[in-house]
Amino acid sequence: MPWYHYLLQFLSGVLLTNGIPHFVHGLSGAPFQSPFAKPPGVGESSALVNVYWGFANLVGGAVLLTRFAPVSRIGWLLVAVGVLLMGTGNATHFAKVRASKSHA
């Protein structure tokens, strides 16, 4: 299997995980941080922007996962590592953003 398949399997986990908080906040009608806010990743975008951004991430992750579906344990491990790294990064970043907003 070409090396880039492994990279794309990892990226599928990243995109799927990143799509979840944006899509859920958007569906609930809550504003949430996004790359389109000012400042990016710190300011909040509207619920509708987050629905679209979350959906784009979920679709991108699903397309990569189906197109480059893991056929070995290492492939599934890379998907899981992508999920865990993005989840850890999101949790850390959003916790810092929320803590700074509660002190403001």
PDB file of N, CA and C in Angstrom:
ATOM      1  N   MET A   1       0.848  -1.175   0.000  1.00  0.00           N
ATOM      2  CA  MET A   1       0.000   0.000   0.000  1.00  0.00           C
ATOM      3  C   MET A   1       0.896   1.241   0.000  1.00  0.00           C
ATOM      4  N   PRO A   2       0.580   2.234  -0.840  1.00  0.00           N
ATOM      5  CA  PRO A   2       1.399   3.454  -0.866  1.00  0.00           C
ATOM      6  C   PRO A   2       1.347   4.195   0.474  1.00  0.00           C
ATOM      7  N   TRP A   3       2.420   4.878   0.800  1.00  0.00           N
ATOM      8  CA  TRP A   3       2.551   5.581   2.077  1.00  0.00           C
ATOM      9  C   TRP A   3       1.457   6.610   2.286  1.00  0.00           C
ATOM     10  N   TYR A   4       1.008   7.257   1.206  1.00  0.00           N
ATOM     11  CA  TYR A   4       0.018   8.322   1.371  1.00  0.00           C
ATOM     12  C   TYR A   4      -1.350   7.785   1.786  1.00  0.00           C
ATOM     13  N   HIS A   5      -1.609   6.504   1.570  1.00  0.00           N
ATOM     14  CA  HIS A   5      -2.863   5.920   2.069  1.00  0.00           C
ATOM     15  C   HIS A   5      -2.900   6.001   3.591  1.00  0.00           C
ATOM     16  N   TYR A   6      -1.762   5.732   4.221  1.00  0.00           N
ATOM     17  CA  TYR A   6      -1.682   5.810   5.680  1.00  0.00           C
ATOM     18  C   TYR A   6      -1.909   7.238   6.164  1.00  0.00           C
ATOM     19  N   LEU A   7      -1.345   8.179   5.469  1.00  0.00           N
ATOM     20  CA  LEU A   7      -1.528   9.594   5.816  1.00  0.00           C
ATOM     21  C   LEU A   7      -3.000   9.991   5.684  1.00  0.00           C
ATOM     22  N   LEU A   8      -3.650   9.550   4.631  1.00  0.00           N
ATOM     23  CA  LEU A   8      -5.051   9.894   4.416  1.00  0.00           C
ATOM     24  C   LEU A   8      -5.972   9.176   5.401  1.00  0.00           C
ATOM     25  N   GLN A   9      -5.591   8.006   5.854  1.00  0.00           N
ATOM     26  CA  GLN A   9      -6.369   7.319   6.893  1.00  0.00           C
ATOM     27  C   GLN A   9      -6.281   8.101   8.203  1.00  0.00           C
ATOM     28  N   PHE A  10      -5.086   8.561   8.539  1.00  0.00           N
ATOM     29  CA  PHE A  10      -4.899   9.413   9.714  1.00  0.00           C
ATOM     30  C   PHE A  10      -5.745  10.679   9.575  1.00  0.00           C
ATOM     31  N   LEU A  11      -5.688  11.322   8.417  1.00  0.00           N
ATOM     32  CA  LEU A  11      -6.437  12.553   8.177  1.00  0.00           C
ATOM     33  C   LEU A  11      -7.944  12.321   8.261  1.00  0.00           C
ATOM     34  N   SER A  12      -8.419  11.155   7.866  1.00  0.00           N
ATOM     35  CA  SER A  12      -9.856  10.871   7.982  1.00  0.00           C
ATOM     36  C   SER A  12     -10.295  10.924   9.437  1.00  0.00           C
ATOM     37  N   GLY A  13      -9.491  10.374  10.337  1.00  0.00           N
ATOM     38  CA  GLY A  13      -9.806  10.441  11.769  1.00  0.00           C
ATOM     39  C   GLY A  13      -9.808  11.863  12.283  1.00  0.00           C
ATOM     40  N   VAL A  14      -8.854  12.663  11.809  1.00  0.00           N
ATOM     41  CA  VAL A  14      -8.769  14.073  12.206  1.00  0.00           C
ATOM     42  C   VAL A  14     -10.027  14.823  11.767  1.00  0.00           C
ATOM     43  N   LEU A  15     -10.412  14.673  10.517  1.00  0.00           N
ATOM     44  CA  LEU A  15     -11.570  15.400   9.990  1.00  0.00           C
ATOM     45  C   LEU A  15     -12.873  14.961  10.650  1.00  0.00           C
ATOM     46  N   LEU A  16     -13.039  13.668  10.829  1.00  0.00           N
ATOM     47  CA  LEU A  16     -14.265  13.181  11.468  1.00  0.00           C
ATOM     48  C   LEU A  16     -14.402  13.734  12.880  1.00  0.00           C
ATOM     49  N   THR A  17     -13.303  13.755  13.604  1.00  0.00           N
ATOM     50  CA  THR A  17     -13.339  14.258  14.977  1.00  0.00           C
ATOM     51  C   THR A  17     -13.577  15.761  15.011  1.00  0.00           C
ATOM     52  N   ASN A  18     -12.944  16.496  14.125  1.00  0.00           N
ATOM     53  CA  ASN A  18     -13.119  17.945  14.105  1.00  0.00           C
ATOM     54  C   ASN A  18     -14.542  18.338  13.713  1.00  0.00           C
ATOM     55  N   GLY A  19     -15.192  17.528  12.910  1.00  0.00           N
ATOM     56  CA  GLY A  19     -16.548  17.855  12.487  1.00  0.00           C
ATOM     57  C   GLY A  19     -17.577  17.778  13.598  1.00  0.00           C
ATOM     58  N   ILE A  20     -17.334  16.933  14.579  1.00  0.00           N
ATOM     59  CA  ILE A  20     -18.337  16.678  15.620  1.00  0.00           C
ATOM     60  C   ILE A  20     -18.698  17.932  16.424  1.00  0.00           C
ATOM     61  N   PRO A  21     -17.737  18.628  17.064  1.00  0.00           N
ATOM     62  CA  PRO A  21     -18.146  19.767  17.898  1.00  0.00           C
ATOM     63  C   PRO A  21     -18.780  20.899  17.090  1.00  0.00           C
ATOM     64  N   HIS A  22     -18.284  21.120  15.891  1.00  0.00           N
ATOM     65  CA  HIS A  22     -18.848  22.198  15.072  1.00  0.00           C
ATOM     66  C   HIS A  22     -20.284  21.874  14.676  1.00  0.00           C
ATOM     67  N   PHE A  23     -20.503  20.654  14.215  1.00  0.00           N
ATOM     68  CA  PHE A  23     -21.836  20.262  13.778  1.00  0.00           C
ATOM     69  C   PHE A  23     -22.820  20.260  14.944  1.00  0.00           C
ATOM     70  N   VAL A  24     -22.413  19.724  16.091  1.00  0.00           N
ATOM     71  CA  VAL A  24     -23.298  19.649  17.257  1.00  0.00           C
ATOM     72  C   VAL A  24     -23.642  21.045  17.776  1.00  0.00           C
ATOM     73  N   HIS A  25     -22.638  21.912  17.902  1.00  0.00           N
ATOM     74  CA  HIS A  25     -22.937  23.274  18.349  1.00  0.00           C
ATOM     75  C   HIS A  25     -23.861  23.980  17.353  1.00  0.00           C
ATOM     76  N   GLY A  26     -23.602  23.779  16.081  1.00  0.00           N
ATOM     77  CA  GLY A  26     -24.462  24.392  15.071  1.00  0.00           C
ATOM     78  C   GLY A  26     -25.891  23.888  15.153  1.00  0.00           C
ATOM     79  N   LEU A  27     -26.050  22.581  15.292  1.00  0.00           N
ATOM     80  CA  LEU A  27     -27.401  22.010  15.397  1.00  0.00           C
ATOM     81  C   LEU A  27     -28.141  22.516  16.619  1.00  0.00           C
ATOM     82  N   SER A  28     -27.398  22.756  17.687  1.00  0.00           N
ATOM     83  CA  SER A  28     -28.043  23.226  18.917  1.00  0.00           C
ATOM     84  C   SER A  28     -28.304  24.729  18.891  1.00  0.00           C
ATOM     85  N   GLY A  29     -27.862  25.389  17.830  1.00  0.00           N
ATOM     86  CA  GLY A  29     -28.106  26.822  17.694  1.00  0.00           C
ATOM     87  C   GLY A  29     -27.095  27.685  18.423  1.00  0.00           C
ATOM     88  N   ALA A  30     -26.015  27.086  18.889  1.00  0.00           N
ATOM     89  CA  ALA A  30     -25.020  27.822  19.670  1.00  0.00           C
ATOM     90  C   ALA A  30     -23.871  28.296  18.790  1.00  0.00           C
ATOM     91  N   PRO A  31     -23.407  29.521  19.014  1.00  0.00           N
ATOM     92  CA  PRO A  31     -22.191  29.962  18.315  1.00  0.00           C
ATOM     93  C   PRO A  31     -20.998  29.172  18.859  1.00  0.00           C
ATOM     94  N   PHE A  32     -19.955  29.044  18.051  1.00  0.00           N
ATOM     95  CA  PHE A  32     -18.792  28.262  18.449  1.00  0.00           C
ATOM     96  C   PHE A  32     -17.586  28.748  17.652  1.00  0.00           C
ATOM     97  N   GLN A  33     -16.396  28.501  18.187  1.00  0.00           N
ATOM     98  CA  GLN A  33     -15.182  28.906  17.506  1.00  0.00           C
ATOM     99  C   GLN A  33     -15.059  28.179  16.172  1.00  0.00           C
ATOM    100  N   SER A  34     -14.531  28.888  15.188  1.00  0.00           N
ATOM    101  CA  SER A  34     -14.258  28.269  13.896  1.00  0.00           C
ATOM    102  C   SER A  34     -13.123  29.029  13.229  1.00  0.00           C
ATOM    103  N   PRO A  35     -12.572  28.461  12.169  1.00  0.00           N
ATOM    104  CA  PRO A  35     -11.502  29.162  11.458  1.00  0.00           C
ATOM    105  C   PRO A  35     -11.987  30.411  10.726  1.00  0.00           C
ATOM    106  N   PHE A  36     -13.300  30.593  10.647  1.00  0.00           N
ATOM    107  CA  PHE A  36     -13.859  31.728   9.917  1.00  0.00           C
ATOM    108  C   PHE A  36     -14.177  32.910  10.825  1.00  0.00           C
ATOM    109  N   ALA A  37     -14.002  32.736  12.132  1.00  0.00           N
ATOM    110  CA  ALA A  37     -14.288  33.797  13.103  1.00  0.00           C
ATOM    111  C   ALA A  37     -13.098  34.749  13.175  1.00  0.00           C
ATOM    112  N   LYS A  38     -13.311  35.868  13.848  1.00  0.00           N
ATOM    113  CA  LYS A  38     -12.224  36.817  14.063  1.00  0.00           C
ATOM    114  C   LYS A  38     -11.991  36.950  15.550  1.00  0.00           C
ATOM    115  N   PRO A  39     -10.841  36.639  16.067  1.00  0.00           N
ATOM    116  CA  PRO A  39      -9.719  35.967  15.398  1.00  0.00           C
ATOM    117  C   PRO A  39     -10.024  34.487  15.164  1.00  0.00           C
ATOM    118  N   PRO A  40      -9.439  33.926  14.107  1.00  0.00           N
ATOM    119  CA  PRO A  40      -9.715  32.534  13.751  1.00  0.00           C
ATOM    120  C   PRO A  40      -9.437  31.578  14.908  1.00  0.00           C
ATOM    121  N   GLY A  41     -10.389  30.688  15.154  1.00  0.00           N
ATOM    122  CA  GLY A  41     -10.228  29.675  16.184  1.00  0.00           C
ATOM    123  C   GLY A  41     -10.473  30.161  17.596  1.00  0.00           C
ATOM    124  N   VAL A  42     -10.687  31.470  17.761  1.00  0.00           N
ATOM    125  CA  VAL A  42     -10.925  32.030  19.092  1.00  0.00           C
ATOM    126  C   VAL A  42     -12.286  32.715  19.131  1.00  0.00           C
ATOM    127  N   GLY A  43     -12.543  33.570  18.145  1.00  0.00           N
ATOM    128  CA  GLY A  43     -13.855  34.198  18.047  1.00  0.00           C
ATOM    129  C   GLY A  43     -14.902  33.160  17.675  1.00  0.00           C
ATOM    130  N   GLU A  44     -16.153  33.521  17.849  1.00  0.00           N
ATOM    131  CA  GLU A  44     -17.220  32.570  17.573  1.00  0.00           C
ATOM    132  C   GLU A  44     -17.913  32.869  16.256  1.00  0.00           C
ATOM    133  N   SER A  45     -18.223  31.814  15.537  1.00  0.00           N
ATOM    134  CA  SER A  45     -19.003  31.909  14.311  1.00  0.00           C
ATOM    135  C   SER A  45     -20.440  31.521  14.622  1.00  0.00           C
ATOM    136  N   SER A  46     -21.332  31.891  13.739  1.00  0.00           N
ATOM    137  CA  SER A  46     -22.747  31.588  13.936  1.00  0.00           C
ATOM    138  C   SER A  46     -22.988  30.077  13.901  1.00  0.00           C
ATOM    139  N   ALA A  47     -24.143  29.699  14.387  1.00  0.00           N
ATOM    140  CA  ALA A  47     -24.526  28.289  14.382  1.00  0.00           C
ATOM    141  C   ALA A  47     -24.553  27.741  12.954  1.00  0.00           C
ATOM    142  N   LEU A  48     -25.058  28.538  12.013  1.00  0.00           N
ATOM    143  CA  LEU A  48     -25.152  28.072  10.632  1.00  0.00           C
ATOM    144  C   LEU A  48     -23.773  27.832  10.025  1.00  0.00           C
ATOM    145  N   VAL A  49     -22.833  28.730  10.280  1.00  0.00           N
ATOM    146  CA  VAL A  49     -21.463  28.530   9.798  1.00  0.00           C
ATOM    147  C   VAL A  49     -20.897  27.236  10.370  1.00  0.00           C
ATOM    148  N   ASN A  50     -21.168  26.980  11.642  1.00  0.00           N
ATOM    149  CA  ASN A  50     -20.654  25.763  12.267  1.00  0.00           C
ATOM    150  C   ASN A  50     -21.317  24.504  11.729  1.00  0.00           C
ATOM    151  N   VAL A  51     -22.596  24.572  11.399  1.00  0.00           N
ATOM    152  CA  VAL A  51     -23.241  23.413  10.767  1.00  0.00           C
ATOM    153  C   VAL A  51     -22.533  23.091   9.457  1.00  0.00           C
ATOM    154  N   TYR A  52     -22.303  24.110   8.634  1.00  0.00           N
ATOM    155  CA  TYR A  52     -21.652  23.886   7.331  1.00  0.00           C
ATOM    156  C   TYR A  52     -20.209  23.416   7.494  1.00  0.00           C
ATOM    157  N   TRP A  53     -19.463  24.040   8.416  1.00  0.00           N
ATOM    158  CA  TRP A  53     -18.073  23.664   8.633  1.00  0.00           C
ATOM    159  C   TRP A  53     -17.984  22.242   9.197  1.00  0.00           C
ATOM    160  N   GLY A  54     -18.839  21.931  10.155  1.00  0.00           N
ATOM    161  CA  GLY A  54     -18.846  20.577  10.704  1.00  0.00           C
ATOM    162  C   GLY A  54     -19.229  19.548   9.661  1.00  0.00           C
ATOM    163  N   PHE A  55     -20.227  19.861   8.858  1.00  0.00           N
ATOM    164  CA  PHE A  55     -20.665  18.945   7.805  1.00  0.00           C
ATOM    165  C   PHE A  55     -19.556  18.713   6.787  1.00  0.00           C
ATOM    166  N   ALA A  56     -18.856  19.778   6.400  1.00  0.00           N
ATOM    167  CA  ALA A  56     -17.750  19.647   5.442  1.00  0.00           C
ATOM    168  C   ALA A  56     -16.660  18.735   6.002  1.00  0.00           C
ATOM    169  N   ASN A  57     -16.346  18.893   7.283  1.00  0.00           N
ATOM    170  CA  ASN A  57     -15.341  18.031   7.911  1.00  0.00           C
ATOM    171  C   ASN A  57     -15.815  16.581   7.956  1.00  0.00           C
ATOM    172  N   LEU A  58     -17.071  16.364   8.325  1.00  0.00           N
ATOM    173  CA  LEU A  58     -17.606  15.008   8.398  1.00  0.00           C
ATOM    174  C   LEU A  58     -17.633  14.339   7.025  1.00  0.00           C
ATOM    175  N   VAL A  59     -18.047  15.079   6.018  1.00  0.00           N
ATOM    176  CA  VAL A  59     -18.070  14.520   4.660  1.00  0.00           C
ATOM    177  C   VAL A  59     -16.654  14.225   4.184  1.00  0.00           C
ATOM    178  N   GLY A  60     -15.742  15.169   4.404  1.00  0.00           N
ATOM    179  CA  GLY A  60     -14.353  14.949   3.999  1.00  0.00           C
ATOM    180  C   GLY A  60     -13.751  13.722   4.671  1.00  0.00           C
ATOM    181  N   GLY A  61     -13.977  13.590   5.973  1.00  0.00           N
ATOM    182  CA  GLY A  61     -13.466  12.433   6.694  1.00  0.00           C
ATOM    183  C   GLY A  61     -14.085  11.137   6.208  1.00  0.00           C
ATOM    184  N   ALA A  62     -15.390  11.153   5.950  1.00  0.00           N
ATOM    185  CA  ALA A  62     -16.080   9.954   5.478  1.00  0.00           C
ATOM    186  C   ALA A  62     -15.608   9.555   4.079  1.00  0.00           C
ATOM    187  N   VAL A  63     -15.425  10.546   3.217  1.00  0.00           N
ATOM    188  CA  VAL A  63     -14.937  10.251   1.860  1.00  0.00           C
ATOM    189  C   VAL A  63     -13.544   9.630   1.925  1.00  0.00           C
ATOM    190  N   LEU A  64     -12.668  10.225   2.718  1.00  0.00           N
ATOM    191  CA  LEU A  64     -11.321   9.658   2.848  1.00  0.00           C
ATOM    192  C   LEU A  64     -11.363   8.254   3.440  1.00  0.00           C
ATOM    193  N   LEU A  65     -12.203   8.068   4.444  1.00  0.00           N
ATOM    194  CA  LEU A  65     -12.271   6.763   5.099  1.00  0.00           C
ATOM    195  C   LEU A  65     -12.813   5.695   4.155  1.00  0.00           C
ATOM    196  N   THR A  66     -13.763   6.034   3.318  1.00  0.00           N
ATOM    197  CA  THR A  66     -14.294   5.041   2.384  1.00  0.00           C
ATOM    198  C   THR A  66     -13.370   4.845   1.179  1.00  0.00           C
ATOM    199  N   ARG A  67     -12.772   5.927   0.720  1.00  0.00           N
ATOM    200  CA  ARG A  67     -11.884   5.826  -0.456  1.00  0.00           C
ATOM    201  C   ARG A  67     -10.572   5.126  -0.114  1.00  0.00           C
ATOM    202  N   PHE A  68     -10.062   5.381   1.090  1.00  0.00           N
ATOM    203  CA  PHE A  68      -8.793   4.795   1.529  1.00  0.00           C
ATOM    204  C   PHE A  68      -9.024   3.950   2.780  1.00  0.00           C
ATOM    205  N   ALA A  69     -10.019   3.101   2.706  1.00  0.00           N
ATOM    206  CA  ALA A  69     -10.425   2.286   3.861  1.00  0.00           C
ATOM    207  C   ALA A  69      -9.264   1.424   4.350  1.00  0.00           C
ATOM    208  N   PRO A  70      -9.036   1.443   5.652  1.00  0.00           N
ATOM    209  CA  PRO A  70      -7.968   0.604   6.200  1.00  0.00           C
ATOM    210  C   PRO A  70      -8.243  -0.878   5.960  1.00  0.00           C
ATOM    211  N   VAL A  71      -7.205  -1.586   5.565  1.00  0.00           N
ATOM    212  CA  VAL A  71      -7.325  -3.031   5.351  1.00  0.00           C
ATOM    213  C   VAL A  71      -6.426  -3.788   6.323  1.00  0.00           C
ATOM    214  N   SER A  72      -5.765  -3.057   7.191  1.00  0.00           N
ATOM    215  CA  SER A  72      -4.869  -3.684   8.161  1.00  0.00           C
ATOM    216  C   SER A  72      -5.046  -2.998   9.515  1.00  0.00           C
ATOM    217  N   ARG A  73      -4.475  -3.610  10.510  1.00  0.00           N
ATOM    218  CA  ARG A  73      -4.536  -3.017  11.855  1.00  0.00           C
ATOM    219  C   ARG A  73      -3.832  -1.682  11.916  1.00  0.00           C
ATOM    220  N   ILE A  74      -2.741  -1.554  11.199  1.00  0.00           N
ATOM    221  CA  ILE A  74      -2.004  -0.287  11.237  1.00  0.00           C
ATOM    222  C   ILE A  74      -2.852   0.846  10.666  1.00  0.00           C
ATOM    223  N   GLY A  75      -3.642   0.562   9.643  1.00  0.00           N
ATOM    224  CA  GLY A  75      -4.527   1.576   9.075  1.00  0.00           C
ATOM    225  C   GLY A  75      -5.560   2.039  10.078  1.00  0.00           C
ATOM    226  N   TRP A  76      -6.190   1.086  10.765  1.00  0.00           N
ATOM    227  CA  TRP A  76      -7.190   1.442  11.786  1.00  0.00           C
ATOM    228  C   TRP A  76      -6.538   2.144  12.960  1.00  0.00           C
ATOM    229  N   LEU A  77      -5.316   1.741  13.287  1.00  0.00           N
ATOM    230  CA  LEU A  77      -4.584   2.410  14.355  1.00  0.00           C
ATOM    231  C   LEU A  77      -4.316   3.868  13.987  1.00  0.00           C
ATOM    232  N   LEU A  78      -3.987   4.124  12.731  1.00  0.00           N
ATOM    233  CA  LEU A  78      -3.743   5.504  12.289  1.00  0.00           C
ATOM    234  C   LEU A  78      -5.018   6.336  12.316  1.00  0.00           C
ATOM    235  N   VAL A  79      -6.145   5.746  11.967  1.00  0.00           N
ATOM    236  CA  VAL A  79      -7.426   6.450  12.087  1.00  0.00           C
ATOM    237  C   VAL A  79      -7.660   6.809  13.556  1.00  0.00           C
ATOM    238  N   ALA A  80      -7.438   5.839  14.443  1.00  0.00           N
ATOM    239  CA  ALA A  80      -7.644   6.071  15.874  1.00  0.00           C
ATOM    240  C   ALA A  80      -6.687   7.128  16.419  1.00  0.00           C
ATOM    241  N   VAL A  81      -5.443   7.117  15.959  1.00  0.00           N
ATOM    242  CA  VAL A  81      -4.475   8.128  16.398  1.00  0.00           C
ATOM    243  C   VAL A  81      -4.922   9.510  15.923  1.00  0.00           C
ATOM    244  N   GLY A  82      -5.429   9.597  14.696  1.00  0.00           N
ATOM    245  CA  GLY A  82      -5.963  10.873  14.202  1.00  0.00           C
ATOM    246  C   GLY A  82      -7.112  11.370  15.052  1.00  0.00           C
ATOM    247  N   VAL A  83      -8.014  10.452  15.438  1.00  0.00           N
ATOM    248  CA  VAL A  83      -9.151  10.796  16.293  1.00  0.00           C
ATOM    249  C   VAL A  83      -8.651  11.296  17.649  1.00  0.00           C
ATOM    250  N   LEU A  84      -7.740  10.566  18.257  1.00  0.00           N
ATOM    251  CA  LEU A  84      -7.250  10.935  19.592  1.00  0.00           C
ATOM    252  C   LEU A  84      -6.435  12.229  19.580  1.00  0.00           C
ATOM    253  N   LEU A  85      -5.578  12.407  18.585  1.00  0.00           N
ATOM    254  CA  LEU A  85      -4.785  13.633  18.533  1.00  0.00           C
ATOM    255  C   LEU A  85      -5.663  14.859  18.294  1.00  0.00           C
ATOM    256  N   MET A  86      -6.621  14.747  17.391  1.00  0.00           N
ATOM    257  CA  MET A  86      -7.506  15.882  17.134  1.00  0.00           C
ATOM    258  C   MET A  86      -8.409  16.120  18.333  1.00  0.00           C
ATOM    259  N   GLY A  87      -8.892  15.064  18.947  1.00  0.00           N
ATOM    260  CA  GLY A  87      -9.717  15.216  20.143  1.00  0.00           C
ATOM    261  C   GLY A  87      -8.948  15.887  21.269  1.00  0.00           C
ATOM    262  N   THR A  88      -7.716  15.479  21.475  1.00  0.00           N
ATOM    263  CA  THR A  88      -6.876  16.088  22.504  1.00  0.00           C
ATOM    264  C   THR A  88      -6.596  17.550  22.181  1.00  0.00           C
ATOM    265  N   GLY A  89      -6.270  17.821  20.933  1.00  0.00           N
ATOM    266  CA  GLY A  89      -6.009  19.199  20.516  1.00  0.00           C
ATOM    267  C   GLY A  89      -7.234  20.080  20.657  1.00  0.00           C
ATOM    268  N   ASN A  90      -8.385  19.576  20.222  1.00  0.00           N
ATOM    269  CA  ASN A  90      -9.624  20.355  20.346  1.00  0.00           C
ATOM    270  C   ASN A  90      -9.967  20.605  21.808  1.00  0.00           C
ATOM    271  N   ALA A  91      -9.897  19.572  22.630  1.00  0.00           N
ATOM    272  CA  ALA A  91     -10.241  19.718  24.048  1.00  0.00           C
ATOM    273  C   ALA A  91      -9.335  20.743  24.716  1.00  0.00           C
ATOM    274  N   THR A  92      -8.054  20.684  24.438  1.00  0.00           N
ATOM    275  CA  THR A  92      -7.094  21.613  25.033  1.00  0.00           C
ATOM    276  C   THR A  92      -7.341  23.039  24.557  1.00  0.00           C
ATOM    277  N   HIS A  93      -7.497  23.198  23.248  1.00  0.00           N
ATOM    278  CA  HIS A  93      -7.699  24.536  22.680  1.00  0.00           C
ATOM    279  C   HIS A  93      -9.009  25.160  23.159  1.00  0.00           C
ATOM    280  N   PHE A  94     -10.096  24.419  23.048  1.00  0.00           N
ATOM    281  CA  PHE A  94     -11.395  24.989  23.411  1.00  0.00           C
ATOM    282  C   PHE A  94     -11.505  25.243  24.909  1.00  0.00           C
ATOM    283  N   ALA A  95     -10.839  24.438  25.723  1.00  0.00           N
ATOM    284  CA  ALA A  95     -10.830  24.690  27.172  1.00  0.00           C
ATOM    285  C   ALA A  95     -10.110  26.010  27.472  1.00  0.00           C
ATOM    286  N   LYS A  96      -8.995  26.263  26.791  1.00  0.00           N
ATOM    287  CA  LYS A  96      -8.265  27.522  26.983  1.00  0.00           C
ATOM    288  C   LYS A  96      -9.108  28.713  26.536  1.00  0.00           C
ATOM    289  N   VAL A  97      -9.761  28.579  25.395  1.00  0.00           N
ATOM    290  CA  VAL A  97     -10.599  29.670  24.877  1.00  0.00           C
ATOM    291  C   VAL A  97     -11.730  29.950  25.850  1.00  0.00           C
ATOM    292  N   ARG A  98     -12.391  28.914  26.314  1.00  0.00           N
ATOM    293  CA  ARG A  98     -13.510  29.105  27.239  1.00  0.00           C
ATOM    294  C   ARG A  98     -13.041  29.678  28.571  1.00  0.00           C
ATOM    295  N   ALA A  99     -11.887  29.258  29.056  1.00  0.00           N
ATOM    296  CA  ALA A  99     -11.361  29.796  30.319  1.00  0.00           C
ATOM    297  C   ALA A  99     -11.022  31.272  30.178  1.00  0.00           C
ATOM    298  N   SER A 100     -10.456  31.668  29.046  1.00  0.00           N
ATOM    299  CA  SER A 100     -10.118  33.081  28.860  1.00  0.00           C
ATOM    300  C   SER A 100     -11.361  33.928  28.718  1.00  0.00           C
ATOM    301  N   LYS A 101     -12.445  33.393  28.166  1.00  0.00           N
ATOM    302  CA  LYS A 101     -13.689  34.137  28.028  1.00  0.00           C
ATOM    303  C   LYS A 101     -14.403  34.279  29.367  1.00  0.00           C
ATOM    304  N   SER A 102     -14.239  33.295  30.245  1.00  0.00           N
ATOM    305  CA  SER A 102     -14.914  33.385  31.542  1.00  0.00           C
ATOM    306  C   SER A 102     -14.205  34.365  32.463  1.00  0.00           C
ATOM    307  N   HIS A 103     -12.928  34.658  32.199  1.00  0.00           N
ATOM    308  CA  HIS A 103     -12.180  35.633  32.994  1.00  0.00           C
ATOM    309  C   HIS A 103     -12.313  37.047  32.454  1.00  0.00           C
ATOM    310  N   ALA A 104     -12.852  37.151  31.258  1.00  0.00           N
ATOM    311  CA  ALA A 104     -12.955  38.477  30.631  1.00  0.00           C
ATOM    312  C   ALA A 104     -14.147  39.260  31.132  1.00  0.00           C
TER     313      ALA A 104
END
